[in-house]
Amino acid sequence: MDTYWNHNTAFHDELITDAKLRGGRVLDIGCGDGLLLQRLAPFVQQVIGIDPDNTAIELAQTRLAAIENVALMNGDFLALPIPNQEERYATVICVATLHHMDLRSALQNMRQVLAPGGRLLIIGLADDKSWMDLLFSGLVLLPIRIMDRFHGGASNPNVRITAPKETIKEIRQVAQEMLPGAKVRRRFYFRYSLSWDKPLE
């Protein structure tokens, strides 16, 4: 299956480079059609993708059919049992998916499935409510349109669309409460990134 570019895949290289540092098992929450899993597979021990959308999982199965170190789960991440210590993940990745879930519940589960010393990597969408949010989004609009044209347009596979509810300030506050030391910052393409290293227990 073909690769494509959009405002989410623009961060794939960054995520892959980070995950390669730890190797091991990687969980991609909201894996969609499996493009990130396909790109991660050569660099880690195992990649596991979970997505509640039946069509997305079917596309991922087709894309990943020839790759041995990939597993797929069709279901709700928040309903996923917490794995035992040996089965927890060195890296947990979540791209444009967190806003589909309850923020606190999702971050709590991500923290629990992550192995000690592992890293959580989120690329997310936030709501624009304050003048600062609107100003930042306005300033990057033209550069983003230029980059879209440079890449031949942003391709968006058939995925469920949900508007974000929390602002980046609200996300940062909840993250600091639940994931002390988490780094949340605004990014290009109307995205933010969140990274957190789980302490060694």
N, C-alpha and C. Protein backbone atom coordinates (compact mmCIF):
# COMPACT_ATOMS: atom_id res chain seq x y z
N MET A 1 0.83 -1.19 0.00
CA MET A 1 0.00 0.00 0.00
C MET A 1 0.87 1.25 0.00
N ASP A 2 0.36 2.29 -0.58
CA ASP A 2 1.12 3.51 -0.73
C ASP A 2 1.27 4.25 0.60
N THR A 3 2.35 5.02 0.68
CA THR A 3 2.50 5.96 1.78
C THR A 3 1.84 7.27 1.37
N TYR A 4 1.72 8.17 2.30
CA TYR A 4 1.09 9.45 2.01
C TYR A 4 1.59 10.45 3.05
N TRP A 5 1.27 11.72 2.81
CA TRP A 5 1.69 12.78 3.73
C TRP A 5 0.48 13.54 4.22
N ASN A 6 0.46 13.84 5.50
CA ASN A 6 -0.53 14.77 6.05
C ASN A 6 0.03 15.37 7.34
N HIS A 7 -0.79 16.10 8.06
CA HIS A 7 -0.32 16.81 9.25
C HIS A 7 0.04 15.88 10.39
N ASN A 8 -0.35 14.62 10.31
CA ASN A 8 0.04 13.62 11.31
C ASN A 8 1.30 12.88 10.90
N THR A 9 1.35 12.43 9.65
CA THR A 9 2.54 11.69 9.19
C THR A 9 3.77 12.59 9.15
N ALA A 10 3.57 13.89 9.16
CA ALA A 10 4.71 14.82 9.20
C ALA A 10 5.58 14.60 10.43
N PHE A 11 5.03 13.99 11.47
CA PHE A 11 5.78 13.76 12.71
C PHE A 11 6.32 12.33 12.81
N HIS A 12 6.06 11.51 11.81
CA HIS A 12 6.47 10.11 11.89
C HIS A 12 7.98 9.94 12.07
N ASP A 13 8.79 10.64 11.30
CA ASP A 13 10.24 10.46 11.39
C ASP A 13 10.74 10.77 12.80
N GLU A 14 10.20 11.81 13.38
CA GLU A 14 10.58 12.18 14.74
C GLU A 14 10.22 11.08 15.74
N LEU A 15 9.05 10.53 15.61
CA LEU A 15 8.60 9.47 16.53
C LEU A 15 9.42 8.20 16.35
N ILE A 16 9.72 7.85 15.12
CA ILE A 16 10.50 6.65 14.84
C ILE A 16 11.92 6.79 15.39
N THR A 17 12.53 7.95 15.17
CA THR A 17 13.87 8.19 15.69
C THR A 17 13.92 8.04 17.20
N ASP A 18 12.90 8.54 17.88
CA ASP A 18 12.85 8.43 19.33
C ASP A 18 12.63 6.98 19.77
N ALA A 19 11.69 6.29 19.16
CA ALA A 19 11.41 4.90 19.54
C ALA A 19 12.61 3.99 19.30
N LYS A 20 13.38 4.26 18.26
CA LYS A 20 14.56 3.45 17.95
C LYS A 20 15.57 3.45 19.10
N LEU A 21 15.60 4.51 19.87
CA LEU A 21 16.56 4.61 20.96
C LEU A 21 16.35 3.54 22.01
N ARG A 22 15.10 3.10 22.17
CA ARG A 22 14.77 2.11 23.19
C ARG A 22 14.51 0.73 22.60
N GLY A 23 14.07 0.67 21.34
CA GLY A 23 13.73 -0.62 20.75
C GLY A 23 12.59 -1.26 21.52
N GLY A 24 12.67 -2.55 21.77
CA GLY A 24 11.67 -3.24 22.56
C GLY A 24 10.30 -3.25 21.91
N ARG A 25 9.28 -3.25 22.75
CA ARG A 25 7.90 -3.30 22.27
C ARG A 25 7.31 -1.89 22.23
N VAL A 26 6.59 -1.61 21.15
CA VAL A 26 5.99 -0.30 20.95
C VAL A 26 4.49 -0.45 20.75
N LEU A 27 3.72 0.39 21.41
CA LEU A 27 2.26 0.41 21.25
C LEU A 27 1.86 1.70 20.55
N ASP A 28 1.10 1.56 19.46
CA ASP A 28 0.56 2.71 18.73
C ASP A 28 -0.95 2.75 18.98
N ILE A 29 -1.39 3.74 19.73
CA ILE A 29 -2.81 3.87 20.09
C ILE A 29 -3.51 4.68 19.01
N GLY A 30 -4.53 4.08 18.39
CA GLY A 30 -5.19 4.73 17.27
C GLY A 30 -4.34 4.59 16.02
N CYS A 31 -3.99 3.35 15.70
CA CYS A 31 -3.01 3.09 14.65
C CYS A 31 -3.54 3.32 13.24
N GLY A 32 -4.87 3.46 13.09
CA GLY A 32 -5.42 3.72 11.76
C GLY A 32 -5.06 2.62 10.78
N ASP A 33 -4.62 3.02 9.59
CA ASP A 33 -4.32 2.04 8.54
C ASP A 33 -2.93 1.42 8.66
N GLY A 34 -2.21 1.72 9.76
CA GLY A 34 -0.97 1.03 10.05
C GLY A 34 0.29 1.61 9.43
N LEU A 35 0.23 2.81 8.87
CA LEU A 35 1.41 3.37 8.21
C LEU A 35 2.56 3.56 9.19
N LEU A 36 2.29 4.10 10.37
CA LEU A 36 3.36 4.29 11.35
C LEU A 36 3.90 2.94 11.82
N LEU A 37 3.04 1.96 12.01
CA LEU A 37 3.51 0.62 12.40
C LEU A 37 4.45 0.06 11.35
N GLN A 38 4.10 0.23 10.09
CA GLN A 38 4.93 -0.25 8.98
C GLN A 38 6.31 0.40 9.03
N ARG A 39 6.34 1.67 9.32
CA ARG A 39 7.61 2.39 9.35
C ARG A 39 8.43 2.08 10.60
N LEU A 40 7.76 1.77 11.69
CA LEU A 40 8.46 1.44 12.94
C LEU A 40 9.04 0.04 12.95
N ALA A 41 8.37 -0.90 12.31
CA ALA A 41 8.69 -2.32 12.43
C ALA A 41 10.16 -2.68 12.23
N PRO A 42 10.89 -2.08 11.27
CA PRO A 42 12.28 -2.50 11.09
C PRO A 42 13.22 -2.11 12.23
N PHE A 43 12.76 -1.26 13.14
CA PHE A 43 13.68 -0.68 14.11
C PHE A 43 13.43 -1.11 15.55
N VAL A 44 12.38 -1.87 15.80
CA VAL A 44 12.05 -2.28 17.17
C VAL A 44 11.74 -3.77 17.20
N GLN A 45 11.65 -4.30 18.40
CA GLN A 45 11.40 -5.74 18.55
C GLN A 45 9.99 -6.12 18.07
N GLN A 46 8.99 -5.35 18.50
CA GLN A 46 7.62 -5.63 18.13
C GLN A 46 6.80 -4.35 18.17
N VAL A 47 5.86 -4.23 17.24
CA VAL A 47 4.94 -3.10 17.25
C VAL A 47 3.51 -3.64 17.33
N ILE A 48 2.73 -3.02 18.21
CA ILE A 48 1.35 -3.41 18.41
C ILE A 48 0.48 -2.19 18.15
N GLY A 49 -0.53 -2.35 17.34
CA GLY A 49 -1.45 -1.26 17.05
C GLY A 49 -2.84 -1.59 17.53
N ILE A 50 -3.52 -0.59 18.08
CA ILE A 50 -4.91 -0.77 18.50
C ILE A 50 -5.75 0.34 17.92
N ASP A 51 -6.93 0.00 17.43
CA ASP A 51 -7.84 0.99 16.86
C ASP A 51 -9.26 0.45 16.97
N PRO A 52 -10.23 1.30 17.33
CA PRO A 52 -11.60 0.81 17.46
C PRO A 52 -12.35 0.71 16.14
N ASP A 53 -11.76 1.24 15.07
CA ASP A 53 -12.46 1.29 13.78
C ASP A 53 -12.18 0.02 12.97
N ASN A 54 -13.23 -0.70 12.62
CA ASN A 54 -13.08 -1.96 11.89
C ASN A 54 -12.41 -1.77 10.55
N THR A 55 -12.81 -0.73 9.82
CA THR A 55 -12.26 -0.49 8.49
C THR A 55 -10.77 -0.17 8.57
N ALA A 56 -10.39 0.63 9.56
CA ALA A 56 -8.98 0.97 9.73
C ALA A 56 -8.14 -0.27 9.99
N ILE A 57 -8.64 -1.16 10.84
CA ILE A 57 -7.90 -2.38 11.15
C ILE A 57 -7.78 -3.28 9.92
N GLU A 58 -8.83 -3.35 9.12
CA GLU A 58 -8.76 -4.13 7.89
C GLU A 58 -7.70 -3.58 6.93
N LEU A 59 -7.63 -2.26 6.82
CA LEU A 59 -6.60 -1.64 5.99
C LEU A 59 -5.22 -1.92 6.55
N ALA A 60 -5.09 -1.85 7.87
CA ALA A 60 -3.80 -2.13 8.50
C ALA A 60 -3.39 -3.58 8.28
N GLN A 61 -4.32 -4.50 8.36
CA GLN A 61 -4.01 -5.92 8.12
C GLN A 61 -3.47 -6.13 6.71
N THR A 62 -4.05 -5.44 5.74
CA THR A 62 -3.57 -5.54 4.36
C THR A 62 -2.17 -4.95 4.23
N ARG A 63 -1.98 -3.78 4.83
CA ARG A 63 -0.68 -3.10 4.74
C ARG A 63 0.43 -3.91 5.40
N LEU A 64 0.11 -4.57 6.51
CA LEU A 64 1.13 -5.20 7.35
C LEU A 64 1.21 -6.71 7.19
N ALA A 65 0.53 -7.26 6.20
CA ALA A 65 0.41 -8.72 6.06
C ALA A 65 1.76 -9.42 5.98
N ALA A 66 2.75 -8.78 5.39
CA ALA A 66 4.04 -9.44 5.19
C ALA A 66 5.05 -9.13 6.29
N ILE A 67 4.64 -8.40 7.31
CA ILE A 67 5.56 -7.99 8.38
C ILE A 67 5.29 -8.86 9.61
N GLU A 68 6.32 -9.55 10.09
CA GLU A 68 6.14 -10.55 11.13
C GLU A 68 6.03 -9.99 12.54
N ASN A 69 6.71 -8.88 12.81
CA ASN A 69 6.76 -8.39 14.20
C ASN A 69 5.69 -7.34 14.49
N VAL A 70 4.51 -7.51 13.88
CA VAL A 70 3.39 -6.59 14.07
C VAL A 70 2.18 -7.36 14.56
N ALA A 71 1.46 -6.78 15.53
CA ALA A 71 0.19 -7.35 16.00
C ALA A 71 -0.84 -6.23 16.03
N LEU A 72 -2.07 -6.56 15.72
CA LEU A 72 -3.16 -5.59 15.67
C LEU A 72 -4.28 -5.99 16.61
N MET A 73 -4.91 -4.98 17.23
CA MET A 73 -6.06 -5.22 18.09
C MET A 73 -7.18 -4.27 17.67
N ASN A 74 -8.35 -4.81 17.46
CA ASN A 74 -9.52 -4.01 17.10
C ASN A 74 -10.32 -3.78 18.38
N GLY A 75 -10.20 -2.60 18.96
CA GLY A 75 -10.90 -2.37 20.21
C GLY A 75 -10.61 -1.01 20.80
N ASP A 76 -11.16 -0.79 21.97
CA ASP A 76 -11.05 0.47 22.70
C ASP A 76 -9.86 0.41 23.64
N PHE A 77 -8.93 1.33 23.48
CA PHE A 77 -7.74 1.33 24.34
C PHE A 77 -8.11 1.42 25.81
N LEU A 78 -9.14 2.21 26.14
CA LEU A 78 -9.51 2.38 27.54
C LEU A 78 -10.07 1.11 28.16
N ALA A 79 -10.48 0.16 27.33
CA ALA A 79 -10.99 -1.13 27.83
C ALA A 79 -9.91 -2.20 27.84
N LEU A 80 -8.71 -1.85 27.41
CA LEU A 80 -7.62 -2.82 27.31
C LEU A 80 -7.11 -3.18 28.70
N PRO A 81 -6.98 -4.47 29.01
CA PRO A 81 -6.43 -4.86 30.32
C PRO A 81 -4.99 -4.35 30.47
N ILE A 82 -4.62 -3.99 31.66
CA ILE A 82 -3.25 -3.56 31.91
C ILE A 82 -2.34 -4.78 31.87
N PRO A 83 -1.33 -4.79 31.01
CA PRO A 83 -0.47 -5.97 30.89
C PRO A 83 0.43 -6.14 32.11
N ASN A 84 0.95 -7.35 32.28
CA ASN A 84 1.89 -7.56 33.37
C ASN A 84 3.22 -6.87 33.04
N GLN A 85 4.10 -6.85 34.00
CA GLN A 85 5.34 -6.09 33.85
C GLN A 85 6.13 -6.49 32.60
N GLU A 86 6.18 -7.79 32.31
CA GLU A 86 6.98 -8.27 31.19
C GLU A 86 6.41 -7.86 29.84
N GLU A 87 5.13 -7.54 29.80
CA GLU A 87 4.48 -7.23 28.53
C GLU A 87 4.23 -5.73 28.34
N ARG A 88 4.74 -4.92 29.23
CA ARG A 88 4.54 -3.48 29.08
C ARG A 88 5.48 -2.93 28.01
N TYR A 89 5.25 -1.70 27.62
CA TYR A 89 5.85 -1.17 26.40
C TYR A 89 7.00 -0.19 26.67
N ALA A 90 8.05 -0.32 25.87
CA ALA A 90 9.17 0.61 25.97
C ALA A 90 8.78 1.99 25.45
N THR A 91 7.88 2.02 24.47
CA THR A 91 7.38 3.28 23.91
C THR A 91 5.89 3.16 23.66
N VAL A 92 5.15 4.15 24.07
CA VAL A 92 3.73 4.25 23.75
C VAL A 92 3.54 5.52 22.92
N ILE A 93 2.94 5.35 21.74
CA ILE A 93 2.75 6.46 20.81
C ILE A 93 1.26 6.68 20.58
N CYS A 94 0.87 7.93 20.48
CA CYS A 94 -0.53 8.27 20.26
C CYS A 94 -0.56 9.51 19.36
N VAL A 95 -0.98 9.32 18.11
CA VAL A 95 -0.98 10.42 17.13
C VAL A 95 -2.41 10.78 16.78
N ALA A 96 -2.79 12.01 17.09
CA ALA A 96 -4.12 12.55 16.74
C ALA A 96 -5.26 11.65 17.23
N THR A 97 -5.09 11.07 18.40
CA THR A 97 -6.07 10.14 18.95
C THR A 97 -6.52 10.51 20.35
N LEU A 98 -5.69 11.17 21.12
CA LEU A 98 -6.01 11.45 22.52
C LEU A 98 -7.32 12.22 22.66
N HIS A 99 -7.61 13.13 21.74
CA HIS A 99 -8.82 13.94 21.86
C HIS A 99 -10.10 13.14 21.58
N HIS A 100 -9.96 11.90 21.13
CA HIS A 100 -11.11 11.01 20.96
C HIS A 100 -11.49 10.33 22.28
N MET A 101 -10.64 10.45 23.30
CA MET A 101 -10.84 9.74 24.56
C MET A 101 -10.94 10.73 25.71
N ASP A 102 -11.41 10.23 26.85
CA ASP A 102 -11.38 11.04 28.06
C ASP A 102 -9.92 11.27 28.44
N LEU A 103 -9.54 12.53 28.60
CA LEU A 103 -8.13 12.88 28.78
C LEU A 103 -7.51 12.20 29.99
N ARG A 104 -8.13 12.32 31.13
CA ARG A 104 -7.55 11.75 32.36
C ARG A 104 -7.47 10.23 32.29
N SER A 105 -8.54 9.61 31.84
CA SER A 105 -8.55 8.14 31.77
C SER A 105 -7.48 7.64 30.80
N ALA A 106 -7.35 8.33 29.66
CA ALA A 106 -6.37 7.90 28.66
C ALA A 106 -4.95 8.04 29.18
N LEU A 107 -4.63 9.17 29.80
CA LEU A 107 -3.27 9.37 30.32
C LEU A 107 -2.96 8.37 31.44
N GLN A 108 -3.95 8.09 32.27
CA GLN A 108 -3.74 7.10 33.33
C GLN A 108 -3.43 5.73 32.75
N ASN A 109 -4.19 5.31 31.74
CA ASN A 109 -3.94 4.00 31.13
C ASN A 109 -2.61 3.97 30.40
N MET A 110 -2.26 5.06 29.72
CA MET A 110 -0.97 5.11 29.03
C MET A 110 0.17 4.97 30.02
N ARG A 111 0.04 5.62 31.16
CA ARG A 111 1.06 5.52 32.20
C ARG A 111 1.19 4.09 32.69
N GLN A 112 0.06 3.39 32.82
CA GLN A 112 0.07 2.03 33.36
C GLN A 112 0.62 1.01 32.38
N VAL A 113 0.40 1.19 31.08
CA VAL A 113 0.89 0.20 30.12
C VAL A 113 2.35 0.42 29.75
N LEU A 114 2.91 1.56 30.17
CA LEU A 114 4.30 1.88 29.86
C LEU A 114 5.23 1.20 30.85
N ALA A 115 6.30 0.63 30.35
CA ALA A 115 7.28 -0.02 31.22
C ALA A 115 8.10 1.03 31.96
N PRO A 116 8.59 0.71 33.16
CA PRO A 116 9.49 1.63 33.84
C PRO A 116 10.68 1.98 32.95
N GLY A 117 10.98 3.26 32.86
CA GLY A 117 12.04 3.72 31.97
C GLY A 117 11.58 3.94 30.55
N GLY A 118 10.32 3.63 30.26
CA GLY A 118 9.78 3.84 28.91
C GLY A 118 9.35 5.27 28.68
N ARG A 119 8.96 5.55 27.46
CA ARG A 119 8.59 6.92 27.10
C ARG A 119 7.24 6.96 26.40
N LEU A 120 6.43 7.93 26.79
CA LEU A 120 5.15 8.23 26.15
C LEU A 120 5.35 9.38 25.18
N LEU A 121 4.89 9.20 23.94
CA LEU A 121 5.01 10.21 22.90
C LEU A 121 3.63 10.47 22.30
N ILE A 122 3.14 11.69 22.45
CA ILE A 122 1.83 12.05 21.93
C ILE A 122 1.95 13.22 20.97
N ILE A 123 1.31 13.09 19.83
CA ILE A 123 1.09 14.22 18.93
C ILE A 123 -0.42 14.43 18.93
N GLY A 124 -0.85 15.59 19.40
CA GLY A 124 -2.28 15.78 19.60
C GLY A 124 -2.82 17.07 19.03
N LEU A 125 -4.14 17.18 19.12
CA LEU A 125 -4.85 18.38 18.70
C LEU A 125 -5.49 19.01 19.93
N ALA A 126 -5.46 20.33 20.00
CA ALA A 126 -6.06 21.06 21.11
C ALA A 126 -7.07 22.07 20.57
N ASP A 127 -7.99 22.46 21.43
CA ASP A 127 -8.99 23.45 21.06
C ASP A 127 -8.41 24.86 21.21
N ASP A 128 -8.85 25.77 20.37
CA ASP A 128 -8.45 27.17 20.45
C ASP A 128 -9.56 27.95 21.14
N LYS A 129 -9.29 28.39 22.37
CA LYS A 129 -10.29 29.14 23.12
C LYS A 129 -9.79 30.52 23.51
N SER A 130 -8.54 30.63 23.88
CA SER A 130 -7.98 31.90 24.33
C SER A 130 -7.46 32.71 23.14
N TRP A 131 -7.20 33.99 23.38
CA TRP A 131 -6.64 34.84 22.31
C TRP A 131 -5.26 34.34 21.91
N MET A 132 -4.51 33.77 22.87
CA MET A 132 -3.17 33.25 22.54
C MET A 132 -3.27 32.04 21.62
N ASP A 133 -4.24 31.16 21.89
CA ASP A 133 -4.45 30.00 21.02
C ASP A 133 -4.79 30.46 19.61
N LEU A 134 -5.72 31.40 19.51
CA LEU A 134 -6.17 31.88 18.20
C LEU A 134 -5.06 32.61 17.47
N LEU A 135 -4.26 33.37 18.22
CA LEU A 135 -3.16 34.10 17.60
C LEU A 135 -2.13 33.15 17.01
N PHE A 136 -1.77 32.12 17.78
CA PHE A 136 -0.77 31.17 17.29
C PHE A 136 -1.27 30.44 16.05
N SER A 137 -2.53 30.00 16.09
CA SER A 137 -3.09 29.30 14.94
C SER A 137 -3.16 30.20 13.72
N GLY A 138 -3.47 31.47 13.95
CA GLY A 138 -3.52 32.41 12.83
C GLY A 138 -2.15 32.65 12.22
N LEU A 139 -1.12 32.72 13.06
CA LEU A 139 0.23 32.99 12.57
C LEU A 139 0.79 31.85 11.73
N VAL A 140 0.40 30.62 12.05
CA VAL A 140 0.96 29.48 11.32
C VAL A 140 0.10 29.06 10.13
N LEU A 141 -1.06 29.67 9.96
CA LEU A 141 -1.97 29.24 8.89
C LEU A 141 -1.33 29.33 7.51
N LEU A 142 -0.77 30.48 7.17
CA LEU A 142 -0.17 30.64 5.85
C LEU A 142 1.03 29.72 5.64
N PRO A 143 1.98 29.65 6.60
CA PRO A 143 3.09 28.70 6.42
C PRO A 143 2.62 27.25 6.24
N ILE A 144 1.57 26.87 6.96
CA ILE A 144 1.06 25.51 6.83
C ILE A 144 0.49 25.28 5.44
N ARG A 145 -0.24 26.25 4.92
CA ARG A 145 -0.79 26.12 3.57
C ARG A 145 0.33 26.01 2.53
N ILE A 146 1.41 26.73 2.76
CA ILE A 146 2.56 26.64 1.85
C ILE A 146 3.16 25.24 1.90
N MET A 147 3.32 24.70 3.12
CA MET A 147 3.88 23.35 3.25
C MET A 147 2.95 22.30 2.66
N ASP A 148 1.64 22.50 2.81
CA ASP A 148 0.68 21.57 2.20
C ASP A 148 0.88 21.53 0.69
N ARG A 149 1.03 22.70 0.10
CA ARG A 149 1.21 22.76 -1.35
C ARG A 149 2.55 22.14 -1.75
N PHE A 150 3.58 22.37 -0.94
CA PHE A 150 4.90 21.81 -1.22
C PHE A 150 4.84 20.28 -1.25
N HIS A 151 4.05 19.69 -0.37
CA HIS A 151 3.94 18.24 -0.30
C HIS A 151 2.86 17.69 -1.23
N GLY A 152 2.27 18.55 -2.03
CA GLY A 152 1.24 18.10 -2.96
C GLY A 152 -0.12 17.95 -2.34
N GLY A 153 -0.31 18.60 -1.19
CA GLY A 153 -1.59 18.52 -0.51
C GLY A 153 -1.56 17.50 0.60
N ALA A 154 -2.37 17.70 1.61
CA ALA A 154 -2.43 16.78 2.73
C ALA A 154 -3.45 15.70 2.45
N SER A 155 -2.99 14.45 2.42
CA SER A 155 -3.88 13.32 2.19
C SER A 155 -4.44 12.84 3.51
N ASN A 156 -5.75 12.76 3.60
CA ASN A 156 -6.39 12.32 4.84
C ASN A 156 -7.22 11.07 4.58
N PRO A 157 -6.71 9.90 4.99
CA PRO A 157 -7.47 8.66 4.81
C PRO A 157 -8.82 8.76 5.53
N ASN A 158 -9.72 7.86 5.22
CA ASN A 158 -11.03 7.87 5.85
C ASN A 158 -10.90 7.48 7.31
N VAL A 159 -10.92 8.50 8.17
CA VAL A 159 -10.82 8.27 9.61
C VAL A 159 -11.91 9.06 10.31
N ARG A 160 -12.22 8.62 11.52
CA ARG A 160 -13.22 9.34 12.29
C ARG A 160 -12.69 10.70 12.71
N ILE A 161 -13.50 11.73 12.54
CA ILE A 161 -13.11 13.09 12.88
C ILE A 161 -13.85 13.50 14.15
N THR A 162 -13.10 13.98 15.13
CA THR A 162 -13.67 14.49 16.37
C THR A 162 -12.96 15.79 16.72
N ALA A 163 -13.72 16.81 17.05
CA ALA A 163 -13.12 18.10 17.42
C ALA A 163 -12.51 18.00 18.81
N PRO A 164 -11.31 18.55 19.00
CA PRO A 164 -10.71 18.54 20.34
C PRO A 164 -11.52 19.38 21.32
N LYS A 165 -11.50 19.00 22.58
CA LYS A 165 -12.27 19.70 23.61
C LYS A 165 -11.40 20.56 24.51
N GLU A 166 -10.20 20.07 24.83
CA GLU A 166 -9.33 20.78 25.77
C GLU A 166 -8.35 21.69 25.05
N THR A 167 -8.01 22.80 25.69
CA THR A 167 -6.97 23.68 25.17
C THR A 167 -5.61 23.11 25.55
N ILE A 168 -4.58 23.66 24.96
CA ILE A 168 -3.24 23.18 25.31
C ILE A 168 -2.91 23.50 26.76
N LYS A 169 -3.45 24.60 27.29
CA LYS A 169 -3.25 24.92 28.70
C LYS A 169 -3.89 23.88 29.59
N GLU A 170 -5.10 23.48 29.25
CA GLU A 170 -5.80 22.46 30.04
C GLU A 170 -5.09 21.12 29.95
N ILE A 171 -4.62 20.77 28.77
CA ILE A 171 -3.89 19.51 28.59
C ILE A 171 -2.60 19.54 29.40
N ARG A 172 -1.92 20.66 29.39
CA ARG A 172 -0.67 20.78 30.14
C ARG A 172 -0.93 20.63 31.64
N GLN A 173 -2.02 21.21 32.14
CA GLN A 173 -2.33 21.12 33.57
C GLN A 173 -2.63 19.68 33.98
N VAL A 174 -3.43 18.99 33.19
CA VAL A 174 -3.76 17.60 33.51
C VAL A 174 -2.53 16.71 33.39
N ALA A 175 -1.71 16.96 32.38
CA ALA A 175 -0.49 16.16 32.19
C ALA A 175 0.45 16.32 33.38
N GLN A 176 0.62 17.54 33.86
CA GLN A 176 1.53 17.76 34.98
C GLN A 176 1.01 17.10 36.26
N GLU A 177 -0.31 17.02 36.37
CA GLU A 177 -0.90 16.37 37.53
C GLU A 177 -0.71 14.86 37.48
N MET A 178 -0.90 14.28 36.30
CA MET A 178 -0.89 12.82 36.17
C MET A 178 0.46 12.27 35.74
N LEU A 179 1.24 13.09 35.05
CA LEU A 179 2.54 12.66 34.53
C LEU A 179 3.57 13.72 34.91
N PRO A 180 3.97 13.77 36.17
CA PRO A 180 4.88 14.83 36.61
C PRO A 180 6.15 14.89 35.76
N GLY A 181 6.46 16.09 35.29
CA GLY A 181 7.64 16.26 34.44
C GLY A 181 7.35 16.15 32.96
N ALA A 182 6.09 15.89 32.59
CA ALA A 182 5.75 15.80 31.16
C ALA A 182 6.03 17.12 30.45
N LYS A 183 6.49 17.03 29.22
CA LYS A 183 6.79 18.21 28.42
C LYS A 183 5.71 18.35 27.35
N VAL A 184 5.00 19.47 27.38
CA VAL A 184 3.94 19.76 26.41
C VAL A 184 4.29 21.05 25.71
N ARG A 185 4.32 21.02 24.37
CA ARG A 185 4.64 22.25 23.64
C ARG A 185 3.88 22.32 22.33
N ARG A 186 3.63 23.54 21.91
CA ARG A 186 2.96 23.75 20.64
C ARG A 186 3.86 23.33 19.50
N ARG A 187 3.24 22.77 18.47
CA ARG A 187 3.99 22.35 17.30
C ARG A 187 3.32 22.89 16.04
N PHE A 188 3.99 22.70 14.93
CA PHE A 188 3.47 23.12 13.63
C PHE A 188 2.28 22.23 13.25
N TYR A 189 1.59 22.59 12.20
CA TYR A 189 0.44 21.83 11.67
C TYR A 189 -0.71 21.73 12.67
N PHE A 190 -0.88 22.77 13.50
CA PHE A 190 -1.97 22.81 14.48
C PHE A 190 -1.91 21.63 15.44
N ARG A 191 -0.73 21.24 15.82
CA ARG A 191 -0.54 20.10 16.71
C ARG A 191 0.24 20.54 17.96
N TYR A 192 0.22 19.70 18.97
CA TYR A 192 1.10 19.85 20.12
C TYR A 192 1.79 18.50 20.33
N SER A 193 2.89 18.51 21.04
CA SER A 193 3.55 17.26 21.41
C SER A 193 3.62 17.16 22.93
N LEU A 194 3.48 15.93 23.39
CA LEU A 194 3.63 15.63 24.81
C LEU A 194 4.59 14.45 24.92
N SER A 195 5.61 14.62 25.74
CA SER A 195 6.54 13.51 25.99
C SER A 195 6.72 13.35 27.49
N TRP A 196 6.83 12.11 27.91
CA TRP A 196 7.00 11.81 29.34
C TRP A 196 7.78 10.52 29.50
N ASP A 197 8.79 10.58 30.38
CA ASP A 197 9.59 9.40 30.69
C ASP A 197 9.13 8.81 32.02
N LYS A 198 8.73 7.55 32.01
CA LYS A 198 8.27 6.92 33.24
C LYS A 198 9.46 6.58 34.12
N PRO A 199 9.42 6.98 35.38
CA PRO A 199 10.55 6.70 36.26
C PRO A 199 10.80 5.21 36.41
N LEU A 200 12.04 4.86 36.67
CA LEU A 200 12.37 3.47 36.98
C LEU A 200 11.81 3.15 38.36
N GLU A 201 11.17 2.02 38.48
CA GLU A 201 10.53 1.67 39.76
C GLU A 201 11.45 0.79 40.59
